[in-house]
Every structure is written in structure tokens, then in C-alpha cells.
Amino acid sequence: MKLLRTIKRLKNPRDLRLFLNILAMLILLPRLIRRKSLPELLKNLDPGVGPRRGDHELLVKTAGFTDSLLRYHVFQRYGKCLLRSLLLFRFLRRQGWPVEIHFGVRKIGEAGIDSINDTKYDVSSHMGITGHSWLVLAGEPFLEEESRRGSFATTYTYAG
């Protein structure tokens, strides 16, 4: 059912091309993640900020298509937040949005996280520490839930 709703949003060839490009990158990402260091991966994914100013309608479609595809568990081996932030980083920068990608950690139990299996927040965890990745635009978290803002200590940032 969710896939049908997504397909109905593909109203023109441009939308279809965007959807298929996101899907193709989503399929390739696990291989890239396994084979490259994080700085190398980000450098390869970074197309640079596109020449035109970001188009808000295209941003909404990009985020919507990405989130629709990430609902399928087959794509979530590396955690939804990592794949989402990497995909949006690549496509939004190409569209002219000067986003940065941030990675952070916090102890489990902080900011409402009491267990490793908390499904409200899609984070990976190891030995009492949980991680998250997100985008930042103009110094503020971008396309991020209000409840997560400021709850992770940034450990690595890539601005291109």
C-alpha cells in the first residue's frame, strides 16, 4: 500500500527519474559503506552544492521519496538515520542546498532513550552508546525531529 502511494506521487518523468536515482543510490550505499572510510565515502557522495538555489518543492519530493523507500526493512541494514542522511546529503547538495552532514553519539538513557531496542528513534547502539546522523543547514538541524535537536554530541561533521 505504501509503495502504491509513492508511485502515485510520480506525476512526471522528472519525479520518476528522481525516485529511480534515489532507489539506485540506496541499493549501492551498503556496498560503499562497507568498502570506504567515512571521509572517503562522504567525499565520493558529495557532488558539491549545485549552481542553483534550492527548490523547496523538489526538496519535499526528495525527502518524501527517500522516507518512503526507507520504510522497507530490506534497506535498513545500516540504520535508517545513516542511510537517510547520506541520501539526502547527496541529493540536496546537488539541488543547491548547502547542507552539512553530522554524526553524533550519546549514552543510552539520555533524552528519553532507555533501551537499545527503542523503536521511536532509529539509532544504532553499542555498549551503552547510541549513534545518530543528521543534516544541518545554516547551523540548524534540517529535516530532523524537534525532539532530537541537541540531544547528540557531534563527533564528526562533513561540510564539503
N, C-alpha and C. Protein backbone atom coordinates (compact mmCIF):
# COMPACT_ATOMS: atom_id res chain seq x y z
N MET A 1 0.81 -1.19 0.00
CA MET A 1 0.00 0.00 0.00
C MET A 1 0.87 1.27 0.00
N LYS A 2 1.89 1.29 0.83
CA LYS A 2 2.75 2.48 0.89
C LYS A 2 3.46 2.70 -0.43
N LEU A 3 3.88 1.63 -1.07
CA LEU A 3 4.55 1.75 -2.36
C LEU A 3 3.60 2.32 -3.40
N LEU A 4 2.34 1.94 -3.36
CA LEU A 4 1.36 2.48 -4.30
C LEU A 4 1.18 3.98 -4.11
N ARG A 5 1.15 4.45 -2.87
CA ARG A 5 1.04 5.89 -2.61
C ARG A 5 2.25 6.62 -3.16
N THR A 6 3.42 6.02 -3.02
CA THR A 6 4.64 6.64 -3.54
C THR A 6 4.59 6.70 -5.06
N ILE A 7 4.18 5.63 -5.68
CA ILE A 7 4.12 5.58 -7.14
C ILE A 7 3.11 6.60 -7.67
N LYS A 8 2.01 6.82 -6.95
CA LYS A 8 1.02 7.81 -7.38
C LYS A 8 1.60 9.22 -7.36
N ARG A 9 2.63 9.45 -6.53
CA ARG A 9 3.25 10.78 -6.47
C ARG A 9 4.21 11.01 -7.64
N LEU A 10 4.48 10.00 -8.42
CA LEU A 10 5.38 10.14 -9.57
C LEU A 10 4.57 10.65 -10.75
N LYS A 11 4.33 11.95 -10.78
CA LYS A 11 3.42 12.54 -11.74
C LYS A 11 4.05 12.89 -13.08
N ASN A 12 5.36 12.94 -13.13
CA ASN A 12 6.01 13.31 -14.38
C ASN A 12 7.35 12.59 -14.49
N PRO A 13 7.98 12.63 -15.65
CA PRO A 13 9.26 11.93 -15.85
C PRO A 13 10.36 12.41 -14.89
N ARG A 14 10.34 13.69 -14.54
CA ARG A 14 11.35 14.21 -13.60
C ARG A 14 11.22 13.53 -12.23
N ASP A 15 9.98 13.37 -11.75
CA ASP A 15 9.76 12.69 -10.48
C ASP A 15 10.20 11.23 -10.56
N LEU A 16 9.87 10.57 -11.65
CA LEU A 16 10.26 9.18 -11.83
C LEU A 16 11.78 9.04 -11.83
N ARG A 17 12.46 9.94 -12.54
CA ARG A 17 13.93 9.90 -12.59
C ARG A 17 14.53 10.12 -11.20
N LEU A 18 13.98 11.09 -10.44
CA LEU A 18 14.46 11.33 -9.08
C LEU A 18 14.25 10.10 -8.21
N PHE A 19 13.07 9.52 -8.26
CA PHE A 19 12.76 8.32 -7.47
C PHE A 19 13.72 7.17 -7.81
N LEU A 20 13.94 6.94 -9.10
CA LEU A 20 14.83 5.85 -9.51
C LEU A 20 16.29 6.13 -9.13
N ASN A 21 16.72 7.38 -9.19
CA ASN A 21 18.08 7.74 -8.76
C ASN A 21 18.26 7.50 -7.27
N ILE A 22 17.26 7.86 -6.48
CA ILE A 22 17.33 7.62 -5.03
C ILE A 22 17.36 6.12 -4.76
N LEU A 23 16.51 5.37 -5.43
CA LEU A 23 16.47 3.91 -5.27
C LEU A 23 17.81 3.29 -5.64
N ALA A 24 18.39 3.70 -6.76
CA ALA A 24 19.68 3.15 -7.20
C ALA A 24 20.77 3.45 -6.17
N MET A 25 20.80 4.68 -5.66
CA MET A 25 21.82 5.03 -4.66
C MET A 25 21.59 4.26 -3.36
N LEU A 26 20.33 4.06 -3.01
CA LEU A 26 20.01 3.29 -1.81
C LEU A 26 20.49 1.85 -1.93
N ILE A 27 20.40 1.29 -3.11
CA ILE A 27 20.88 -0.08 -3.34
C ILE A 27 22.41 -0.13 -3.29
N LEU A 28 23.08 0.91 -3.79
CA LEU A 28 24.55 0.95 -3.81
C LEU A 28 25.17 1.30 -2.46
N LEU A 29 24.48 2.06 -1.64
CA LEU A 29 25.07 2.55 -0.39
C LEU A 29 25.67 1.47 0.51
N PRO A 30 24.99 0.35 0.75
CA PRO A 30 25.61 -0.64 1.64
C PRO A 30 26.98 -1.10 1.16
N ARG A 31 27.15 -1.28 -0.14
CA ARG A 31 28.47 -1.67 -0.67
C ARG A 31 29.49 -0.57 -0.44
N LEU A 32 29.09 0.67 -0.67
CA LEU A 32 30.01 1.79 -0.46
C LEU A 32 30.39 1.94 1.01
N ILE A 33 29.42 1.76 1.88
CA ILE A 33 29.68 1.88 3.32
C ILE A 33 30.68 0.83 3.77
N ARG A 34 30.56 -0.39 3.26
CA ARG A 34 31.48 -1.47 3.64
C ARG A 34 32.89 -1.25 3.12
N ARG A 35 33.02 -0.63 1.97
CA ARG A 35 34.33 -0.56 1.29
C ARG A 35 35.12 0.72 1.55
N LYS A 36 34.50 1.75 2.07
CA LYS A 36 35.18 3.03 2.19
C LYS A 36 35.17 3.55 3.62
N SER A 37 36.20 4.32 3.95
CA SER A 37 36.20 5.01 5.23
C SER A 37 35.13 6.11 5.16
N LEU A 38 34.70 6.60 6.29
CA LEU A 38 33.66 7.62 6.30
C LEU A 38 34.08 8.88 5.54
N PRO A 39 35.27 9.44 5.76
CA PRO A 39 35.65 10.62 4.98
C PRO A 39 35.69 10.36 3.47
N GLU A 40 36.18 9.19 3.08
CA GLU A 40 36.24 8.84 1.66
C GLU A 40 34.83 8.67 1.08
N LEU A 41 33.96 8.02 1.83
CA LEU A 41 32.58 7.83 1.40
C LEU A 41 31.89 9.18 1.18
N LEU A 42 32.03 10.07 2.14
CA LEU A 42 31.38 11.37 2.04
C LEU A 42 31.94 12.19 0.88
N LYS A 43 33.23 12.11 0.67
CA LYS A 43 33.84 12.82 -0.46
C LYS A 43 33.28 12.29 -1.78
N ASN A 44 33.12 10.97 -1.87
CA ASN A 44 32.58 10.37 -3.09
C ASN A 44 31.09 10.68 -3.29
N LEU A 45 30.34 10.79 -2.21
CA LEU A 45 28.91 11.08 -2.31
C LEU A 45 28.64 12.55 -2.56
N ASP A 46 29.58 13.41 -2.23
CA ASP A 46 29.37 14.86 -2.31
C ASP A 46 29.51 15.35 -3.74
N PRO A 47 28.41 15.76 -4.35
CA PRO A 47 28.50 16.30 -5.71
C PRO A 47 28.88 17.77 -5.71
N GLY A 48 29.06 18.34 -4.51
CA GLY A 48 29.23 19.79 -4.40
C GLY A 48 27.85 20.42 -4.42
N VAL A 49 27.79 21.65 -3.95
CA VAL A 49 26.50 22.33 -3.94
C VAL A 49 26.19 22.78 -5.35
N GLY A 50 25.03 22.39 -5.82
CA GLY A 50 24.62 22.73 -7.18
C GLY A 50 24.59 24.23 -7.41
N PRO A 51 24.64 24.64 -8.67
CA PRO A 51 24.74 26.06 -9.00
C PRO A 51 23.46 26.85 -8.72
N ARG A 52 22.32 26.19 -8.73
CA ARG A 52 21.09 26.93 -8.50
C ARG A 52 20.68 26.88 -7.03
N ARG A 53 19.90 27.84 -6.63
CA ARG A 53 19.39 27.88 -5.26
C ARG A 53 18.39 26.74 -5.07
N GLY A 54 18.37 26.16 -3.89
CA GLY A 54 17.50 25.02 -3.62
C GLY A 54 16.03 25.29 -3.92
N ASP A 55 15.40 24.34 -4.55
CA ASP A 55 13.98 24.37 -4.91
C ASP A 55 13.21 23.64 -3.82
N HIS A 56 12.34 24.36 -3.10
CA HIS A 56 11.65 23.76 -1.95
C HIS A 56 10.75 22.61 -2.36
N GLU A 57 10.05 22.72 -3.47
CA GLU A 57 9.18 21.63 -3.92
C GLU A 57 9.98 20.37 -4.23
N LEU A 58 11.14 20.54 -4.86
CA LEU A 58 12.00 19.39 -5.16
C LEU A 58 12.57 18.79 -3.87
N LEU A 59 12.90 19.62 -2.90
CA LEU A 59 13.37 19.15 -1.59
C LEU A 59 12.31 18.26 -0.94
N VAL A 60 11.07 18.72 -0.94
CA VAL A 60 9.97 17.96 -0.32
C VAL A 60 9.81 16.60 -1.01
N LYS A 61 9.88 16.60 -2.34
CA LYS A 61 9.77 15.33 -3.07
C LYS A 61 10.95 14.42 -2.75
N THR A 62 12.15 14.97 -2.70
CA THR A 62 13.34 14.16 -2.41
C THR A 62 13.23 13.52 -1.03
N ALA A 63 12.87 14.32 -0.03
CA ALA A 63 12.72 13.78 1.33
C ALA A 63 11.59 12.76 1.38
N GLY A 64 10.50 13.03 0.69
CA GLY A 64 9.36 12.10 0.69
C GLY A 64 9.69 10.78 0.04
N PHE A 65 10.34 10.82 -1.12
CA PHE A 65 10.72 9.58 -1.80
C PHE A 65 11.71 8.79 -0.95
N THR A 66 12.68 9.49 -0.37
CA THR A 66 13.68 8.82 0.48
C THR A 66 13.01 8.14 1.67
N ASP A 67 12.16 8.87 2.36
CA ASP A 67 11.48 8.30 3.53
C ASP A 67 10.56 7.15 3.14
N SER A 68 9.90 7.25 1.99
CA SER A 68 9.03 6.16 1.53
C SER A 68 9.84 4.89 1.29
N LEU A 69 10.98 5.01 0.64
CA LEU A 69 11.81 3.83 0.37
C LEU A 69 12.39 3.25 1.66
N LEU A 70 12.75 4.10 2.60
CA LEU A 70 13.37 3.62 3.84
C LEU A 70 12.38 2.95 4.79
N ARG A 71 11.11 2.99 4.47
CA ARG A 71 10.11 2.27 5.27
C ARG A 71 10.25 0.76 5.10
N TYR A 72 10.87 0.35 4.01
CA TYR A 72 11.05 -1.07 3.74
C TYR A 72 12.29 -1.57 4.46
N HIS A 73 12.13 -2.53 5.32
CA HIS A 73 13.22 -3.00 6.17
C HIS A 73 14.40 -3.57 5.40
N VAL A 74 14.19 -3.99 4.17
CA VAL A 74 15.28 -4.55 3.38
C VAL A 74 16.40 -3.52 3.21
N PHE A 75 16.07 -2.23 3.30
CA PHE A 75 17.05 -1.18 3.10
C PHE A 75 17.69 -0.68 4.40
N GLN A 76 17.35 -1.26 5.54
CA GLN A 76 17.75 -0.67 6.81
C GLN A 76 18.87 -1.40 7.52
N ARG A 77 19.70 -2.10 6.83
CA ARG A 77 20.79 -2.83 7.47
C ARG A 77 21.71 -1.91 8.27
N TYR A 78 21.96 -0.73 7.77
CA TYR A 78 22.88 0.20 8.44
C TYR A 78 22.16 1.24 9.27
N GLY A 79 20.90 1.10 9.46
CA GLY A 79 20.14 2.06 10.25
C GLY A 79 19.52 3.12 9.35
N LYS A 80 18.30 3.41 9.62
CA LYS A 80 17.56 4.36 8.80
C LYS A 80 18.19 5.74 8.81
N CYS A 81 18.64 6.22 9.94
CA CYS A 81 19.16 7.59 10.00
C CYS A 81 20.44 7.74 9.17
N LEU A 82 21.30 6.73 9.16
CA LEU A 82 22.53 6.82 8.37
C LEU A 82 22.21 6.86 6.88
N LEU A 83 21.39 5.93 6.42
CA LEU A 83 21.04 5.90 5.01
C LEU A 83 20.29 7.16 4.59
N ARG A 84 19.37 7.60 5.43
CA ARG A 84 18.59 8.80 5.13
C ARG A 84 19.50 10.02 5.02
N SER A 85 20.37 10.20 5.98
CA SER A 85 21.22 11.38 5.95
C SER A 85 22.20 11.34 4.77
N LEU A 86 22.74 10.17 4.45
CA LEU A 86 23.65 10.07 3.31
C LEU A 86 22.92 10.35 1.99
N LEU A 87 21.74 9.79 1.83
CA LEU A 87 20.97 10.03 0.60
C LEU A 87 20.58 11.49 0.47
N LEU A 88 20.02 12.05 1.53
CA LEU A 88 19.60 13.44 1.45
C LEU A 88 20.79 14.38 1.28
N PHE A 89 21.90 14.07 1.91
CA PHE A 89 23.12 14.88 1.74
C PHE A 89 23.48 14.95 0.26
N ARG A 90 23.54 13.81 -0.37
CA ARG A 90 23.92 13.75 -1.80
C ARG A 90 22.94 14.51 -2.70
N PHE A 91 21.66 14.19 -2.56
CA PHE A 91 20.68 14.75 -3.48
C PHE A 91 20.37 16.22 -3.20
N LEU A 92 20.33 16.61 -1.94
CA LEU A 92 20.03 18.02 -1.64
C LEU A 92 21.19 18.94 -2.01
N ARG A 93 22.42 18.49 -1.82
CA ARG A 93 23.56 19.32 -2.24
C ARG A 93 23.55 19.49 -3.76
N ARG A 94 23.23 18.44 -4.48
CA ARG A 94 23.14 18.53 -5.93
C ARG A 94 22.06 19.53 -6.35
N GLN A 95 21.00 19.63 -5.54
CA GLN A 95 19.90 20.54 -5.84
C GLN A 95 20.18 21.98 -5.42
N GLY A 96 21.32 22.22 -4.78
CA GLY A 96 21.67 23.58 -4.42
C GLY A 96 21.51 23.93 -2.95
N TRP A 97 21.19 22.95 -2.11
CA TRP A 97 21.06 23.17 -0.67
C TRP A 97 22.43 22.92 -0.02
N PRO A 98 23.03 23.91 0.62
CA PRO A 98 24.36 23.75 1.21
C PRO A 98 24.31 23.05 2.58
N VAL A 99 23.80 21.83 2.59
CA VAL A 99 23.67 21.09 3.85
C VAL A 99 25.00 20.47 4.25
N GLU A 100 25.17 20.30 5.54
CA GLU A 100 26.29 19.56 6.12
C GLU A 100 25.71 18.27 6.68
N ILE A 101 26.56 17.27 6.85
CA ILE A 101 26.12 16.04 7.49
C ILE A 101 26.89 15.91 8.80
N HIS A 102 26.16 15.58 9.86
CA HIS A 102 26.74 15.45 11.20
C HIS A 102 26.51 14.04 11.72
N PHE A 103 27.46 13.58 12.51
CA PHE A 103 27.37 12.29 13.18
C PHE A 103 27.59 12.54 14.65
N GLY A 104 26.82 11.87 15.50
CA GLY A 104 26.96 12.10 16.92
C GLY A 104 26.62 10.87 17.74
N VAL A 105 26.91 10.98 19.02
CA VAL A 105 26.64 9.90 19.98
C VAL A 105 26.05 10.47 21.25
N ARG A 106 25.45 9.57 22.03
CA ARG A 106 25.01 9.89 23.39
C ARG A 106 24.85 8.57 24.14
N LYS A 107 24.85 8.66 25.43
CA LYS A 107 24.64 7.48 26.26
C LYS A 107 23.18 7.08 26.20
N ILE A 108 22.94 5.77 26.19
CA ILE A 108 21.56 5.28 26.23
C ILE A 108 20.98 5.69 27.58
N GLY A 109 19.75 6.16 27.55
CA GLY A 109 19.11 6.64 28.77
C GLY A 109 19.01 8.16 28.78
N GLU A 110 19.83 8.85 27.96
CA GLU A 110 19.74 10.30 27.87
C GLU A 110 18.63 10.68 26.91
N ALA A 111 17.99 11.77 27.16
CA ALA A 111 16.95 12.33 26.28
C ALA A 111 15.86 11.32 25.94
N GLY A 112 15.49 10.48 26.91
CA GLY A 112 14.36 9.58 26.71
C GLY A 112 14.70 8.23 26.11
N ILE A 113 15.96 7.93 25.86
CA ILE A 113 16.33 6.63 25.33
C ILE A 113 16.70 5.74 26.51
N ASP A 114 15.87 4.74 26.79
CA ASP A 114 16.12 3.89 27.94
C ASP A 114 16.56 2.49 27.58
N SER A 115 16.50 2.15 26.30
CA SER A 115 16.93 0.81 25.92
C SER A 115 17.47 0.82 24.51
N ILE A 116 18.22 -0.21 24.20
CA ILE A 116 18.81 -0.31 22.87
C ILE A 116 17.72 -0.55 21.82
N ASN A 117 16.61 -1.13 22.24
CA ASN A 117 15.57 -1.52 21.30
C ASN A 117 14.48 -0.48 21.13
N ASP A 118 14.71 0.74 21.55
CA ASP A 118 13.73 1.80 21.40
C ASP A 118 13.46 2.02 19.92
N THR A 119 12.23 1.80 19.48
CA THR A 119 11.93 1.92 18.06
C THR A 119 11.47 3.32 17.67
N LYS A 120 11.18 4.17 18.64
CA LYS A 120 10.78 5.53 18.31
C LYS A 120 11.92 6.26 17.61
N TYR A 121 13.13 6.01 18.04
CA TYR A 121 14.30 6.62 17.43
C TYR A 121 15.08 5.54 16.71
N ASP A 122 15.37 5.76 15.46
CA ASP A 122 16.09 4.77 14.68
C ASP A 122 17.58 5.02 14.81
N VAL A 123 18.17 4.45 15.83
CA VAL A 123 19.59 4.66 16.07
C VAL A 123 20.28 3.32 16.26
N SER A 124 21.56 3.30 16.00
CA SER A 124 22.32 2.08 16.26
C SER A 124 22.98 2.23 17.62
N SER A 125 23.25 1.13 18.28
CA SER A 125 23.83 1.23 19.61
C SER A 125 24.89 0.16 19.83
N HIS A 126 25.79 0.47 20.74
CA HIS A 126 26.86 -0.45 21.08
C HIS A 126 27.36 -0.09 22.47
N MET A 127 27.29 -1.05 23.36
CA MET A 127 27.86 -0.89 24.70
C MET A 127 27.38 0.37 25.42
N GLY A 128 26.07 0.62 25.40
CA GLY A 128 25.53 1.74 26.14
C GLY A 128 25.64 3.08 25.45
N ILE A 129 26.12 3.09 24.22
CA ILE A 129 26.22 4.32 23.45
C ILE A 129 25.37 4.16 22.20
N THR A 130 24.68 5.21 21.85
CA THR A 130 23.85 5.18 20.65
C THR A 130 24.32 6.28 19.70
N GLY A 131 24.19 6.02 18.41
CA GLY A 131 24.65 6.98 17.43
C GLY A 131 23.53 7.46 16.52
N HIS A 132 23.78 8.58 15.89
CA HIS A 132 22.78 9.16 15.01
C HIS A 132 23.49 10.03 13.98
N SER A 133 22.89 10.19 12.81
CA SER A 133 23.40 11.12 11.81
C SER A 133 22.26 11.99 11.33
N TRP A 134 22.59 13.23 10.96
CA TRP A 134 21.57 14.18 10.57
C TRP A 134 22.18 15.27 9.71
N LEU A 135 21.31 16.04 9.07
CA LEU A 135 21.75 17.16 8.24
C LEU A 135 21.61 18.46 9.00
N VAL A 136 22.47 19.42 8.64
CA VAL A 136 22.42 20.75 9.23
C VAL A 136 22.46 21.76 8.08
N LEU A 137 21.60 22.76 8.17
CA LEU A 137 21.57 23.85 7.20
C LEU A 137 21.59 25.16 7.97
N ALA A 138 22.53 26.02 7.63
CA ALA A 138 22.67 27.33 8.29
C ALA A 138 22.77 27.19 9.80
N GLY A 139 23.49 26.16 10.26
CA GLY A 139 23.72 25.98 11.69
C GLY A 139 22.60 25.34 12.47
N GLU A 140 21.53 24.96 11.80
CA GLU A 140 20.38 24.34 12.48
C GLU A 140 20.11 22.96 11.91
N PRO A 141 19.70 22.00 12.76
CA PRO A 141 19.30 20.68 12.25
C PRO A 141 18.23 20.85 11.18
N PHE A 142 18.34 20.07 10.13
CA PHE A 142 17.49 20.23 8.95
C PHE A 142 16.76 18.92 8.67
N LEU A 143 15.46 19.00 8.51
CA LEU A 143 14.61 17.83 8.28
C LEU A 143 14.76 16.81 9.41
N GLU A 144 14.83 17.32 10.62
CA GLU A 144 15.08 16.49 11.80
C GLU A 144 13.94 16.72 12.80
N GLU A 145 13.55 15.65 13.48
CA GLU A 145 12.52 15.77 14.50
C GLU A 145 12.95 16.76 15.58
N GLU A 146 12.02 17.57 16.01
CA GLU A 146 12.28 18.58 17.04
C GLU A 146 12.84 17.94 18.31
N SER A 147 12.35 16.75 18.66
CA SER A 147 12.75 16.11 19.91
C SER A 147 14.21 15.66 19.92
N ARG A 148 14.83 15.52 18.75
CA ARG A 148 16.22 15.07 18.69
C ARG A 148 17.23 16.20 18.72
N ARG A 149 16.79 17.40 18.46
CA ARG A 149 17.71 18.53 18.34
C ARG A 149 18.52 18.72 19.61
N GLY A 150 19.81 18.71 19.44
CA GLY A 150 20.71 18.97 20.56
C GLY A 150 20.93 17.80 21.49
N SER A 151 20.33 16.65 21.20
CA SER A 151 20.45 15.55 22.15
C SER A 151 21.67 14.66 21.89
N PHE A 152 22.37 14.86 20.78
CA PHE A 152 23.56 14.07 20.46
C PHE A 152 24.78 14.98 20.44
N ALA A 153 25.89 14.47 20.97
CA ALA A 153 27.15 15.20 20.90
C ALA A 153 27.77 14.91 19.54
N THR A 154 28.02 15.96 18.78
CA THR A 154 28.58 15.79 17.44
C THR A 154 30.02 15.27 17.53
N THR A 155 30.29 14.20 16.81
CA THR A 155 31.64 13.63 16.79
C THR A 155 32.35 13.83 15.46
N TYR A 156 31.58 14.04 14.39
CA TYR A 156 32.18 14.24 13.08
C TYR A 156 31.23 15.04 12.22
N THR A 157 31.76 16.01 11.49
CA THR A 157 30.97 16.84 10.59
C THR A 157 31.66 16.88 9.23
N TYR A 158 30.86 16.80 8.19
CA TYR A 158 31.40 16.96 6.83
C TYR A 158 30.57 18.05 6.15
N ALA A 159 31.24 19.09 5.74
CA ALA A 159 30.56 20.22 5.10
C ALA A 159 30.92 20.34 3.63
N GLY A 160 31.81 19.49 3.15
CA GLY A 160 32.18 19.53 1.74
C GLY A 160 33.34 20.43 1.43
